[in-house]
């Protein structure tokens, strides 16, 4: 285990070398992964749950939804397990819809506790503001944590351990993952359903950007941007050892110039599942975006999870009942589903 001081002293410059101009390094190798290390399921189940507002009893909706995945949650028995909820808490705008709504986080806290989890933590490493306490308070998440007596871990300053990336889409030799994430039995990615001005969409896979600490990767995770956002998304998701699950807040999403400056887009859904690729593919289809045209999703669909509709078993609500035409920037119009 490396603490923050040791990393800043001994290791901060290490991942920078191959990325800075003028540094001698080998030419970039093509993206690669060890196919034998991955066992993509033949079929992935994804649930779309109707939730028209944040005032609904979301804890009951989520609990019913989670029970659809009993086989993926230790047979429905989380006794003795630690669950880490990772919402999207990146910036605050009183007129915006940037972050995962605190009501969804509150519902997840209660639902996982009712399923018997020994500990349910909330953890995030905000990528823009360094003042996490301000973000917690301004966003309303602090009030939820206090009401539900839940612990919060700022991943930007957590102790970390270096892991070699399981896939090689970036040229980073190590990924420094927080101890809180490494000790989790279940890591739950809880993004807001949003468009993104650099990669098209930001959903459950992209949300794991926030687990890497700003104390090492900068604000807004500069090293990962320089390594390539899409490539970093894949390497992070392939490397996290904890079992993963996704709960996408699509009750009100963001369209246009996301992930910070877009406009509110009601969709009235929560999207759940253990295969983050399949969850993101389903959420993209709800946004009338073809996931096969989103570069990092298309690459992840080759080995990390299922992308095609034929390989995804849809449960809960039908997609066509809740589809909304999310507006994208002009440069991403080719991602949109025709018609």
C-alpha atoms as a PDB file:
ATOM      1  CA  UNK A   1       0.000   0.000   0.000  1.00  0.00           C
ATOM      2  CA  UNK A   2       1.281   3.451  -0.883  1.00  0.00           C
ATOM      3  CA  UNK A   3       0.074   6.507   0.945  1.00  0.00           C
ATOM      4  CA  UNK A   4      -0.396   9.893  -0.656  1.00  0.00           C
ATOM      5  CA  UNK A   5       2.943  11.345   0.483  1.00  0.00           C
ATOM      6  CA  UNK A   6       4.948   8.374  -0.807  1.00  0.00           C
ATOM      7  CA  UNK A   7       3.235   8.560  -4.172  1.00  0.00           C
ATOM      8  CA  UNK A   8       3.777  12.270  -4.587  1.00  0.00           C
ATOM      9  CA  UNK A   9       7.438  11.874  -3.661  1.00  0.00           C
ATOM     10  CA  UNK A  10       8.363   8.763  -5.608  1.00  0.00           C
ATOM     11  CA  UNK A  11       5.826   7.977  -8.292  1.00  0.00           C
ATOM     12  CA  UNK A  12       3.992  11.020  -9.582  1.00  0.00           C
ATOM     13  CA  UNK A  13       6.388  11.566 -12.460  1.00  0.00           C
ATOM     14  CA  UNK A  14       6.461   7.938 -13.571  1.00  0.00           C
ATOM     15  CA  UNK A  15       3.290   7.861 -15.666  1.00  0.00           C
ATOM     16  CA  UNK A  16       4.054  11.318 -17.074  1.00  0.00           C
ATOM     17  CA  UNK A  17       7.268  10.359 -18.876  1.00  0.00           C
ATOM     18  CA  UNK A  18       5.813   8.533 -21.880  1.00  0.00           C
ATOM     19  CA  UNK A  19       3.234  11.285 -22.384  1.00  0.00           C
ATOM     20  CA  UNK A  20       5.343  14.455 -22.255  1.00  0.00           C
ATOM     21  CA  UNK A  21       6.839  15.909 -25.471  1.00  0.00           C
ATOM     22  CA  UNK A  22      10.529  15.167 -25.915  1.00  0.00           C
ATOM     23  CA  UNK A  23      10.608  12.102 -23.687  1.00  0.00           C
ATOM     24  CA  UNK A  24      12.235   9.081 -25.235  1.00  0.00           C
ATOM     25  CA  UNK A  25       9.903   6.127 -25.414  1.00  0.00           C
ATOM     26  CA  UNK A  26       8.987   3.289 -27.690  1.00  0.00           C
ATOM     27  CA  UNK A  27       6.352   3.927 -30.371  1.00  0.00           C
ATOM     28  CA  UNK A  28       2.837   3.288 -29.114  1.00  0.00           C
ATOM     29  CA  UNK A  29       1.726  -0.306 -29.301  1.00  0.00           C
ATOM     30  CA  UNK A  30      -1.734  -1.090 -30.692  1.00  0.00           C
ATOM     31  CA  UNK A  31      -4.488  -1.533 -28.102  1.00  0.00           C
ATOM     32  CA  UNK A  32      -4.387  -5.036 -26.702  1.00  0.00           C
ATOM     33  CA  UNK A  33      -5.851  -7.260 -24.054  1.00  0.00           C
ATOM     34  CA  UNK A  34      -5.434 -10.815 -22.909  1.00  0.00           C
ATOM     35  CA  UNK A  35      -8.532 -12.521 -24.266  1.00  0.00           C
ATOM     36  CA  UNK A  36      -7.998 -15.482 -21.949  1.00  0.00           C
ATOM     37  CA  UNK A  37      -8.374 -13.178 -18.934  1.00  0.00           C
ATOM     38  CA  UNK A  38     -11.972 -12.256 -19.813  1.00  0.00           C
ATOM     39  CA  UNK A  39     -15.056 -14.380 -19.908  1.00  0.00           C
ATOM     40  CA  UNK A  40     -17.701 -12.234 -21.470  1.00  0.00           C
ATOM     41  CA  UNK A  41     -21.098 -13.704 -20.579  1.00  0.00           C
ATOM     42  CA  UNK A  42     -23.026 -15.293 -23.403  1.00  0.00           C
ATOM     43  CA  UNK A  43     -26.025 -13.221 -22.340  1.00  0.00           C
ATOM     44  CA  UNK A  44     -26.311 -10.153 -20.089  1.00  0.00           C
ATOM     45  CA  UNK A  45     -29.437  -9.023 -18.254  1.00  0.00           C
ATOM     46  CA  UNK A  46     -30.274  -5.320 -18.005  1.00  0.00           C
ATOM     47  CA  UNK A  47     -33.309  -3.869 -16.229  1.00  0.00           C
ATOM     48  CA  UNK A  48     -35.036  -0.632 -17.163  1.00  0.00           C
ATOM     49  CA  UNK A  49     -37.191   0.581 -14.276  1.00  0.00           C
ATOM     50  CA  UNK A  50     -39.810   3.301 -14.584  1.00  0.00           C
ATOM     51  CA  UNK A  51     -39.245   6.230 -12.209  1.00  0.00           C
ATOM     52  CA  UNK A  52     -40.921   9.424 -13.303  1.00  0.00           C
ATOM     53  CA  UNK A  53     -39.634  11.699 -10.519  1.00  0.00           C
ATOM     54  CA  UNK A  54     -37.214  11.889  -7.602  1.00  0.00           C
ATOM     55  CA  UNK A  55     -40.168  12.165  -5.230  1.00  0.00           C
ATOM     56  CA  UNK A  56     -41.255   8.574  -5.850  1.00  0.00           C
ATOM     57  CA  UNK A  57     -40.369   5.818  -3.348  1.00  0.00           C
ATOM     58  CA  UNK A  58     -37.098   5.109  -5.135  1.00  0.00           C
ATOM     59  CA  UNK A  59     -35.821   2.790  -2.401  1.00  0.00           C
ATOM     60  CA  UNK A  60     -38.660   0.353  -3.089  1.00  0.00           C
ATOM     61  CA  UNK A  61     -38.217   0.675  -6.846  1.00  0.00           C
ATOM     62  CA  UNK A  62     -34.490  -0.025  -6.537  1.00  0.00           C
ATOM     63  CA  UNK A  63     -34.956  -2.861  -4.062  1.00  0.00           C
ATOM     64  CA  UNK A  64     -37.371  -4.610  -6.430  1.00  0.00           C
ATOM     65  CA  UNK A  65     -34.930  -4.002  -9.272  1.00  0.00           C
ATOM     66  CA  UNK A  66     -31.941  -5.360  -7.381  1.00  0.00           C
ATOM     67  CA  UNK A  67     -33.864  -8.501  -6.486  1.00  0.00           C
ATOM     68  CA  UNK A  68     -34.077  -9.224 -10.208  1.00  0.00           C
ATOM     69  CA  UNK A  69     -30.311  -9.815 -10.038  1.00  0.00           C
ATOM     70  CA  UNK A  70     -30.140 -12.092  -7.009  1.00  0.00           C
ATOM     71  CA  UNK A  71     -27.741 -14.451  -8.761  1.00  0.00           C
ATOM     72  CA  UNK A  72     -25.340 -11.570  -9.392  1.00  0.00           C
ATOM     73  CA  UNK A  73     -25.495 -10.346  -5.781  1.00  0.00           C
ATOM     74  CA  UNK A  74     -24.267 -13.449  -3.952  1.00  0.00           C
ATOM     75  CA  UNK A  75     -27.586 -15.217  -4.327  1.00  0.00           C
ATOM     76  CA  UNK A  76     -29.368 -12.161  -2.977  1.00  0.00           C
ATOM     77  CA  UNK A  77     -27.402 -12.438   0.256  1.00  0.00           C
ATOM     78  CA  UNK A  78     -24.992  -9.571   0.857  1.00  0.00           C
ATOM     79  CA  UNK A  79     -24.391 -10.489   4.500  1.00  0.00           C
ATOM     80  CA  UNK A  80     -20.864  -9.557   5.525  1.00  0.00           C
ATOM     81  CA  UNK A  81     -20.184  -7.722   2.249  1.00  0.00           C
ATOM     82  CA  UNK A  82     -18.969  -4.172   1.706  1.00  0.00           C
ATOM     83  CA  UNK A  83     -20.772  -2.204  -0.996  1.00  0.00           C
ATOM     84  CA  UNK A  84     -19.199   0.994  -2.349  1.00  0.00           C
ATOM     85  CA  UNK A  85     -21.556   3.377  -4.152  1.00  0.00           C
ATOM     86  CA  UNK A  86     -19.774   5.605  -6.643  1.00  0.00           C
ATOM     87  CA  UNK A  87     -22.099   8.445  -7.767  1.00  0.00           C
ATOM     88  CA  UNK A  88     -21.189  11.116 -10.288  1.00  0.00           C
ATOM     89  CA  UNK A  89     -20.234  14.220  -8.250  1.00  0.00           C
ATOM     90  CA  UNK A  90     -18.112  16.386 -10.476  1.00  0.00           C
ATOM     91  CA  UNK A  91     -19.249  20.013 -10.268  1.00  0.00           C
ATOM     92  CA  UNK A  92     -22.175  22.041  -8.964  1.00  0.00           C
ATOM     93  CA  UNK A  93     -24.544  24.325 -10.851  1.00  0.00           C
ATOM     94  CA  UNK A  94     -27.805  25.242  -9.095  1.00  0.00           C
ATOM     95  CA  UNK A  95     -29.547  25.406 -12.479  1.00  0.00           C
ATOM     96  CA  UNK A  96     -27.932  22.266 -13.882  1.00  0.00           C
ATOM     97  CA  UNK A  97     -28.362  18.486 -13.728  1.00  0.00           C
ATOM     98  CA  UNK A  98     -24.705  17.540 -13.556  1.00  0.00           C
ATOM     99  CA  UNK A  99     -24.599  15.074 -10.679  1.00  0.00           C
ATOM    100  CA  UNK A 100     -26.321  11.848  -9.710  1.00  0.00           C
ATOM    101  CA  UNK A 101     -29.361  13.005  -7.790  1.00  0.00           C
ATOM    102  CA  UNK A 102     -28.984  12.568  -4.002  1.00  0.00           C
ATOM    103  CA  UNK A 103     -32.406  10.871  -3.903  1.00  0.00           C
ATOM    104  CA  UNK A 104     -31.037   8.013  -6.024  1.00  0.00           C
ATOM    105  CA  UNK A 105     -28.009   7.668  -3.740  1.00  0.00           C
ATOM    106  CA  UNK A 106     -30.302   7.606  -0.687  1.00  0.00           C
ATOM    107  CA  UNK A 107     -32.434   4.918  -2.309  1.00  0.00           C
ATOM    108  CA  UNK A 108     -29.374   2.785  -3.082  1.00  0.00           C
ATOM    109  CA  UNK A 109     -28.112   3.116   0.494  1.00  0.00           C
ATOM    110  CA  UNK A 110     -31.395   1.827   1.856  1.00  0.00           C
ATOM    111  CA  UNK A 111     -31.864  -0.885  -0.781  1.00  0.00           C
ATOM    112  CA  UNK A 112     -28.428  -2.454  -0.279  1.00  0.00           C
ATOM    113  CA  UNK A 113     -28.815  -2.301   3.488  1.00  0.00           C
ATOM    114  CA  UNK A 114     -32.136  -4.112   3.238  1.00  0.00           C
ATOM    115  CA  UNK A 115     -30.412  -6.755   1.153  1.00  0.00           C
ATOM    116  CA  UNK A 116     -28.141  -7.364   4.139  1.00  0.00           C
ATOM    117  CA  UNK A 117     -24.888  -5.601   3.242  1.00  0.00           C
ATOM    118  CA  UNK A 118     -22.626  -5.244   6.268  1.00  0.00           C
ATOM    119  CA  UNK A 119     -21.391  -1.848   5.131  1.00  0.00           C
ATOM    120  CA  UNK A 120     -22.529   0.566   2.426  1.00  0.00           C
ATOM    121  CA  UNK A 121     -20.128   3.427   1.710  1.00  0.00           C
ATOM    122  CA  UNK A 122     -20.358   6.352  -0.684  1.00  0.00           C
ATOM    123  CA  UNK A 123     -17.099   7.241  -2.430  1.00  0.00           C
ATOM    124  CA  UNK A 124     -16.094   9.679  -5.163  1.00  0.00           C
ATOM    125  CA  UNK A 125     -13.075  11.600  -6.402  1.00  0.00           C
ATOM    126  CA  UNK A 126     -14.533  14.769  -7.946  1.00  0.00           C
ATOM    127  CA  UNK A 127     -12.731  15.684 -11.132  1.00  0.00           C
ATOM    128  CA  UNK A 128     -13.144  19.455 -11.261  1.00  0.00           C
ATOM    129  CA  UNK A 129     -13.467  21.133  -7.871  1.00  0.00           C
ATOM    130  CA  UNK A 130     -10.854  20.262  -5.289  1.00  0.00           C
ATOM    131  CA  UNK A 131     -13.206  21.291  -2.469  1.00  0.00           C
ATOM    132  CA  UNK A 132     -15.145  18.067  -2.036  1.00  0.00           C
ATOM    133  CA  UNK A 133     -16.835  19.322   1.133  1.00  0.00           C
ATOM    134  CA  UNK A 134     -18.355  22.197  -0.836  1.00  0.00           C
ATOM    135  CA  UNK A 135     -19.650  19.825  -3.512  1.00  0.00           C
ATOM    136  CA  UNK A 136     -21.174  17.506  -0.929  1.00  0.00           C
ATOM    137  CA  UNK A 137     -22.986  20.345   0.789  1.00  0.00           C
ATOM    138  CA  UNK A 138     -24.076  22.303  -2.288  1.00  0.00           C
ATOM    139  CA  UNK A 139     -25.326  19.231  -4.157  1.00  0.00           C
ATOM    140  CA  UNK A 140     -27.435  17.993  -1.236  1.00  0.00           C
ATOM    141  CA  UNK A 141     -25.502  14.755  -0.910  1.00  0.00           C
ATOM    142  CA  UNK A 142     -24.139  15.698   2.522  1.00  0.00           C
ATOM    143  CA  UNK A 143     -27.698  15.933   3.887  1.00  0.00           C
ATOM    144  CA  UNK A 144     -28.394  12.423   2.561  1.00  0.00           C
ATOM    145  CA  UNK A 145     -25.227  11.019   4.133  1.00  0.00           C
ATOM    146  CA  UNK A 146     -26.117  12.606   7.465  1.00  0.00           C
ATOM    147  CA  UNK A 147     -29.727  11.432   7.390  1.00  0.00           C
ATOM    148  CA  UNK A 148     -28.750   7.863   6.537  1.00  0.00           C
ATOM    149  CA  UNK A 149     -25.634   7.870   8.753  1.00  0.00           C
ATOM    150  CA  UNK A 150     -23.493   6.782   5.823  1.00  0.00           C
ATOM    151  CA  UNK A 151     -19.735   7.218   5.534  1.00  0.00           C
ATOM    152  CA  UNK A 152     -18.182   9.099   2.610  1.00  0.00           C
ATOM    153  CA  UNK A 153     -14.644   8.553   1.276  1.00  0.00           C
ATOM    154  CA  UNK A 154     -12.923  11.215  -0.808  1.00  0.00           C
ATOM    155  CA  UNK A 155     -11.080   9.042  -3.310  1.00  0.00           C
ATOM    156  CA  UNK A 156      -8.912  11.979  -4.351  1.00  0.00           C
ATOM    157  CA  UNK A 157      -6.903  11.556  -1.148  1.00  0.00           C
ATOM    158  CA  UNK A 158      -7.399   7.872  -0.316  1.00  0.00           C
ATOM    159  CA  UNK A 159      -4.421   5.521   0.086  1.00  0.00           C
ATOM    160  CA  UNK A 160      -3.712   3.706  -3.156  1.00  0.00           C
ATOM    161  CA  UNK A 161      -1.990   0.682  -4.638  1.00  0.00           C
ATOM    162  CA  UNK A 162      -0.513   0.444  -8.153  1.00  0.00           C
ATOM    163  CA  UNK A 163      -2.000  -2.238 -10.402  1.00  0.00           C
ATOM    164  CA  UNK A 164      -0.833  -3.129 -13.870  1.00  0.00           C
ATOM    165  CA  UNK A 165      -3.652  -2.444 -16.332  1.00  0.00           C
ATOM    166  CA  UNK A 166      -5.386  -5.627 -17.404  1.00  0.00           C
ATOM    167  CA  UNK A 167      -5.812  -4.217 -20.901  1.00  0.00           C
ATOM    168  CA  UNK A 168      -3.343  -2.024 -22.782  1.00  0.00           C
ATOM    169  CA  UNK A 169      -5.351   0.670 -24.522  1.00  0.00           C
ATOM    170  CA  UNK A 170      -3.290   3.430 -22.873  1.00  0.00           C
ATOM    171  CA  UNK A 171       0.469   3.565 -22.371  1.00  0.00           C
ATOM    172  CA  UNK A 172       0.156   3.881 -18.600  1.00  0.00           C
ATOM    173  CA  UNK A 173       2.211   1.200 -16.891  1.00  0.00           C
ATOM    174  CA  UNK A 174       0.227   1.354 -13.643  1.00  0.00           C
ATOM    175  CA  UNK A 175      -3.159   2.501 -12.461  1.00  0.00           C
ATOM    176  CA  UNK A 176      -3.192   3.729  -8.868  1.00  0.00           C
ATOM    177  CA  UNK A 177      -6.452   2.481  -7.369  1.00  0.00           C
ATOM    178  CA  UNK A 178      -7.808   3.605  -3.986  1.00  0.00           C
ATOM    179  CA  UNK A 179      -7.842   1.142  -1.113  1.00  0.00           C
ATOM    180  CA  UNK A 180     -11.561   1.779  -0.611  1.00  0.00           C
ATOM    181  CA  UNK A 181     -12.240   0.469  -4.114  1.00  0.00           C
ATOM    182  CA  UNK A 182      -9.820  -2.440  -3.780  1.00  0.00           C
ATOM    183  CA  UNK A 183     -11.425  -3.575  -0.539  1.00  0.00           C
ATOM    184  CA  UNK A 184     -14.976  -3.407  -1.898  1.00  0.00           C
ATOM    185  CA  UNK A 185     -16.904  -6.620  -2.462  1.00  0.00           C
ATOM    186  CA  UNK A 186     -19.247  -4.770  -4.817  1.00  0.00           C
ATOM    187  CA  UNK A 187     -18.510  -1.493  -6.610  1.00  0.00           C
ATOM    188  CA  UNK A 188     -21.680   0.208  -7.829  1.00  0.00           C
ATOM    189  CA  UNK A 189     -21.258   2.798 -10.571  1.00  0.00           C
ATOM    190  CA  UNK A 190     -24.070   5.357 -10.282  1.00  0.00           C
ATOM    191  CA  UNK A 191     -23.774   7.846 -13.151  1.00  0.00           C
ATOM    192  CA  UNK A 192     -26.132  10.474 -14.462  1.00  0.00           C
ATOM    193  CA  UNK A 193     -27.332   9.690 -17.997  1.00  0.00           C
ATOM    194  CA  UNK A 194     -25.529  12.357 -20.031  1.00  0.00           C
ATOM    195  CA  UNK A 195     -24.031  13.232 -23.376  1.00  0.00           C
ATOM    196  CA  UNK A 196     -20.327  14.082 -23.435  1.00  0.00           C
ATOM    197  CA  UNK A 197     -18.560  16.654 -25.591  1.00  0.00           C
ATOM    198  CA  UNK A 198     -15.455  14.483 -26.095  1.00  0.00           C
ATOM    199  CA  UNK A 199     -16.595  10.847 -26.190  1.00  0.00           C
ATOM    200  CA  UNK A 200     -20.305  11.099 -27.030  1.00  0.00           C
ATOM    201  CA  UNK A 201     -21.880   9.651 -23.894  1.00  0.00           C
ATOM    202  CA  UNK A 202     -20.887   9.334 -20.250  1.00  0.00           C
ATOM    203  CA  UNK A 203     -22.530   6.486 -18.373  1.00  0.00           C
ATOM    204  CA  UNK A 204     -21.505   3.663 -16.006  1.00  0.00           C
ATOM    205  CA  UNK A 205     -18.105   2.913 -17.549  1.00  0.00           C
ATOM    206  CA  UNK A 206     -17.039   6.553 -17.867  1.00  0.00           C
ATOM    207  CA  UNK A 207     -18.200   7.189 -14.284  1.00  0.00           C
ATOM    208  CA  UNK A 208     -15.324   5.026 -13.011  1.00  0.00           C
ATOM    209  CA  UNK A 209     -12.950   7.787 -14.135  1.00  0.00           C
ATOM    210  CA  UNK A 210     -13.773   9.295 -10.757  1.00  0.00           C
ATOM    211  CA  UNK A 211     -12.238   6.470  -8.743  1.00  0.00           C
ATOM    212  CA  UNK A 212      -8.711   7.508  -9.739  1.00  0.00           C
ATOM    213  CA  UNK A 213      -7.354  10.122  -7.317  1.00  0.00           C
ATOM    214  CA  UNK A 214      -6.847  13.723  -8.321  1.00  0.00           C
ATOM    215  CA  UNK A 215      -3.835  13.830  -5.991  1.00  0.00           C
ATOM    216  CA  UNK A 216      -2.066  11.676  -8.600  1.00  0.00           C
ATOM    217  CA  UNK A 217      -3.912  12.272 -11.871  1.00  0.00           C
ATOM    218  CA  UNK A 218      -4.670  15.987 -11.472  1.00  0.00           C
ATOM    219  CA  UNK A 219      -7.811  18.036 -11.976  1.00  0.00           C
ATOM    220  CA  UNK A 220      -9.648  17.226 -14.170  1.00  0.00           C
ATOM    221  CA  UNK A 221      -7.755  13.887 -14.231  1.00  0.00           C
ATOM    222  CA  UNK A 222      -5.292  15.391 -16.691  1.00  0.00           C
ATOM    223  CA  UNK A 223      -3.115  12.310 -17.096  1.00  0.00           C
ATOM    224  CA  UNK A 224      -6.105  10.254 -18.167  1.00  0.00           C
ATOM    225  CA  UNK A 225      -7.143  12.876 -20.693  1.00  0.00           C
ATOM    226  CA  UNK A 226      -3.648  12.915 -22.162  1.00  0.00           C
ATOM    227  CA  UNK A 227      -3.637   9.121 -22.320  1.00  0.00           C
ATOM    228  CA  UNK A 228      -6.941   9.249 -24.221  1.00  0.00           C
ATOM    229  CA  UNK A 229     -10.314   9.379 -22.495  1.00  0.00           C
ATOM    230  CA  UNK A 230     -11.792   6.379 -24.298  1.00  0.00           C
ATOM    231  CA  UNK A 231      -8.659   4.299 -23.841  1.00  0.00           C
ATOM    232  CA  UNK A 232      -8.506   5.220 -20.151  1.00  0.00           C
ATOM    233  CA  UNK A 233     -12.144   4.232 -19.661  1.00  0.00           C
ATOM    234  CA  UNK A 234     -11.437   0.754 -20.990  1.00  0.00           C
ATOM    235  CA  UNK A 235      -8.237   0.228 -18.994  1.00  0.00           C
ATOM    236  CA  UNK A 236      -9.880   1.361 -15.752  1.00  0.00           C
ATOM    237  CA  UNK A 237     -12.892  -0.891 -16.212  1.00  0.00           C
ATOM    238  CA  UNK A 238     -10.799  -3.906 -17.157  1.00  0.00           C
ATOM    239  CA  UNK A 239      -8.493  -3.455 -14.167  1.00  0.00           C
ATOM    240  CA  UNK A 240     -10.864  -2.862 -11.229  1.00  0.00           C
ATOM    241  CA  UNK A 241     -10.877  -6.209  -9.370  1.00  0.00           C
ATOM    242  CA  UNK A 242     -14.123  -5.714  -7.455  1.00  0.00           C
ATOM    243  CA  UNK A 243     -17.365  -7.183  -8.714  1.00  0.00           C
ATOM    244  CA  UNK A 244     -19.249  -4.373 -10.439  1.00  0.00           C
ATOM    245  CA  UNK A 245     -22.842  -3.272 -10.793  1.00  0.00           C
ATOM    246  CA  UNK A 246     -24.448  -0.212 -12.373  1.00  0.00           C
ATOM    247  CA  UNK A 247     -27.413   1.990 -11.475  1.00  0.00           C
ATOM    248  CA  UNK A 248     -27.865   4.755 -14.048  1.00  0.00           C
ATOM    249  CA  UNK A 249     -29.837   7.834 -12.994  1.00  0.00           C
ATOM    250  CA  UNK A 250     -31.937   8.485 -16.079  1.00  0.00           C
ATOM    251  CA  UNK A 251     -34.868  10.073 -14.271  1.00  0.00           C
ATOM    252  CA  UNK A 252     -33.583  13.408 -15.534  1.00  0.00           C
ATOM    253  CA  UNK A 253     -30.537  13.239 -17.784  1.00  0.00           C
ATOM    254  CA  UNK A 254     -28.473  15.799 -19.668  1.00  0.00           C
ATOM    255  CA  UNK A 255     -28.380  16.439 -23.407  1.00  0.00           C
ATOM    256  CA  UNK A 256     -26.329  18.719 -25.632  1.00  0.00           C
ATOM    257  CA  UNK A 257     -23.019  20.037 -24.331  1.00  0.00           C
ATOM    258  CA  UNK A 258     -22.554  17.501 -21.537  1.00  0.00           C
ATOM    259  CA  UNK A 259     -21.188  16.534 -19.119  1.00  0.00           C
ATOM    260  CA  UNK A 260     -21.295  19.966 -17.431  1.00  0.00           C
ATOM    261  CA  UNK A 261     -23.062  22.548 -19.588  1.00  0.00           C
ATOM    262  CA  UNK A 262     -25.893  20.612 -21.211  1.00  0.00           C
ATOM    263  CA  UNK A 263     -29.634  20.894 -20.703  1.00  0.00           C
ATOM    264  CA  UNK A 264     -31.990  18.794 -18.595  1.00  0.00           C
ATOM    265  CA  UNK A 265     -33.626  15.891 -20.443  1.00  0.00           C
ATOM    266  CA  UNK A 266     -36.297  13.910 -18.557  1.00  0.00           C
ATOM    267  CA  UNK A 267     -36.224  10.199 -19.386  1.00  0.00           C
ATOM    268  CA  UNK A 268     -38.031   8.705 -16.374  1.00  0.00           C
ATOM    269  CA  UNK A 269     -35.904   5.578 -15.888  1.00  0.00           C
ATOM    270  CA  UNK A 270     -33.293   3.840 -13.783  1.00  0.00           C
ATOM    271  CA  UNK A 271     -31.085   1.351 -15.660  1.00  0.00           C
ATOM    272  CA  UNK A 272     -29.535  -1.550 -13.709  1.00  0.00           C
ATOM    273  CA  UNK A 273     -27.247  -4.466 -14.356  1.00  0.00           C
ATOM    274  CA  UNK A 274     -23.945  -6.220 -13.547  1.00  0.00           C
ATOM    275  CA  UNK A 275     -22.477  -5.905 -17.064  1.00  0.00           C
ATOM    276  CA  UNK A 276     -21.478  -2.238 -17.373  1.00  0.00           C
ATOM    277  CA  UNK A 277     -21.026  -2.503 -21.135  1.00  0.00           C
ATOM    278  CA  UNK A 278     -24.538  -3.885 -21.555  1.00  0.00           C
ATOM    279  CA  UNK A 279     -25.987  -1.284 -19.182  1.00  0.00           C
ATOM    280  CA  UNK A 280     -24.307   1.526 -21.103  1.00  0.00           C
ATOM    281  CA  UNK A 281     -25.456   0.081 -24.420  1.00  0.00           C
ATOM    282  CA  UNK A 282     -29.041  -0.011 -23.135  1.00  0.00           C
ATOM    283  CA  UNK A 283     -28.822   3.534 -21.742  1.00  0.00           C
ATOM    284  CA  UNK A 284     -27.410   4.756 -25.070  1.00  0.00           C
ATOM    285  CA  UNK A 285     -30.335   3.179 -26.911  1.00  0.00           C
ATOM    286  CA  UNK A 286     -32.707   4.958 -24.529  1.00  0.00           C
ATOM    287  CA  UNK A 287     -30.972   8.178 -25.646  1.00  0.00           C
ATOM    288  CA  UNK A 288     -31.456   7.166 -29.310  1.00  0.00           C
ATOM    289  CA  UNK A 289     -27.702   6.771 -29.677  1.00  0.00           C
ATOM    290  CA  UNK A 290     -26.209   3.716 -31.380  1.00  0.00           C
ATOM    291  CA  UNK A 291     -23.732   2.246 -28.847  1.00  0.00           C
ATOM    292  CA  UNK A 292     -21.839   0.525 -31.644  1.00  0.00           C
ATOM    293  CA  UNK A 293     -20.862   3.962 -32.961  1.00  0.00           C
ATOM    294  CA  UNK A 294     -19.459   5.109 -29.601  1.00  0.00           C
ATOM    295  CA  UNK A 295     -15.807   4.177 -29.998  1.00  0.00           C
ATOM    296  CA  UNK A 296     -14.953   3.113 -26.446  1.00  0.00           C
ATOM    297  CA  UNK A 297     -18.214   1.140 -26.101  1.00  0.00           C
ATOM    298  CA  UNK A 298     -17.586  -0.639 -29.383  1.00  0.00           C
ATOM    299  CA  UNK A 299     -14.081  -1.606 -28.227  1.00  0.00           C
ATOM    300  CA  UNK A 300     -15.239  -2.691 -24.767  1.00  0.00           C
ATOM    301  CA  UNK A 301     -17.985  -4.763 -26.403  1.00  0.00           C
ATOM    302  CA  UNK A 302     -15.326  -6.956 -27.987  1.00  0.00           C
ATOM    303  CA  UNK A 303     -14.182  -8.409 -24.659  1.00  0.00           C
ATOM    304  CA  UNK A 304     -15.468  -6.672 -21.498  1.00  0.00           C
ATOM    305  CA  UNK A 305     -19.206  -7.132 -21.907  1.00  0.00           C
ATOM    306  CA  UNK A 306     -22.103  -7.391 -24.318  1.00  0.00           C
ATOM    307  CA  UNK A 307     -23.096  -4.646 -26.713  1.00  0.00           C
ATOM    308  CA  UNK A 308     -25.481  -6.176 -29.223  1.00  0.00           C
ATOM    309  CA  UNK A 309     -29.209  -6.308 -28.582  1.00  0.00           C
ATOM    310  CA  UNK A 310     -29.170 -10.045 -29.293  1.00  0.00           C
ATOM    311  CA  UNK A 311     -26.774 -10.624 -26.382  1.00  0.00           C
ATOM    312  CA  UNK A 312     -28.720  -8.453 -23.904  1.00  0.00           C
ATOM    313  CA  UNK A 313     -31.816  -9.796 -22.187  1.00  0.00           C
ATOM    314  CA  UNK A 314     -34.008  -6.795 -21.515  1.00  0.00           C
ATOM    315  CA  UNK A 315     -36.118  -6.983 -18.344  1.00  0.00           C
ATOM    316  CA  UNK A 316     -38.449  -4.473 -16.757  1.00  0.00           C
ATOM    317  CA  UNK A 317     -39.740  -1.700 -18.997  1.00  0.00           C
ATOM    318  CA  UNK A 318     -39.470  -1.794 -22.769  1.00  0.00           C
ATOM    319  CA  UNK A 319     -36.905   0.588 -24.211  1.00  0.00           C
ATOM    320  CA  UNK A 320     -39.244   1.982 -26.838  1.00  0.00           C
ATOM    321  CA  UNK A 321     -41.668   3.135 -24.130  1.00  0.00           C
ATOM    322  CA  UNK A 322     -39.056   5.405 -22.569  1.00  0.00           C
ATOM    323  CA  UNK A 323     -36.765   6.398 -25.433  1.00  0.00           C
ATOM    324  CA  UNK A 324     -35.946  10.086 -25.647  1.00  0.00           C
ATOM    325  CA  UNK A 325     -34.123  11.817 -28.473  1.00  0.00           C
ATOM    326  CA  UNK A 326     -31.091  13.235 -26.637  1.00  0.00           C
ATOM    327  CA  UNK A 327     -29.572  16.144 -28.508  1.00  0.00           C
ATOM    328  CA  UNK A 328     -25.818  15.860 -29.165  1.00  0.00           C
ATOM    329  CA  UNK A 329     -23.210  18.290 -30.424  1.00  0.00           C
ATOM    330  CA  UNK A 330     -22.881  18.484 -34.196  1.00  0.00           C
ATOM    331  CA  UNK A 331     -19.628  16.513 -34.148  1.00  0.00           C
ATOM    332  CA  UNK A 332     -21.482  13.534 -32.643  1.00  0.00           C
ATOM    333  CA  UNK A 333     -24.493  13.459 -34.941  1.00  0.00           C
ATOM    334  CA  UNK A 334     -23.147  10.284 -36.616  1.00  0.00           C
ATOM    335  CA  UNK A 335     -23.796   8.484 -33.291  1.00  0.00           C
ATOM    336  CA  UNK A 336     -27.513   9.049 -33.498  1.00  0.00           C
ATOM    337  CA  UNK A 337     -29.911   6.305 -34.527  1.00  0.00           C
ATOM    338  CA  UNK A 338     -31.451   7.110 -37.903  1.00  0.00           C
ATOM    339  CA  UNK A 339     -34.936   8.571 -37.610  1.00  0.00           C
END
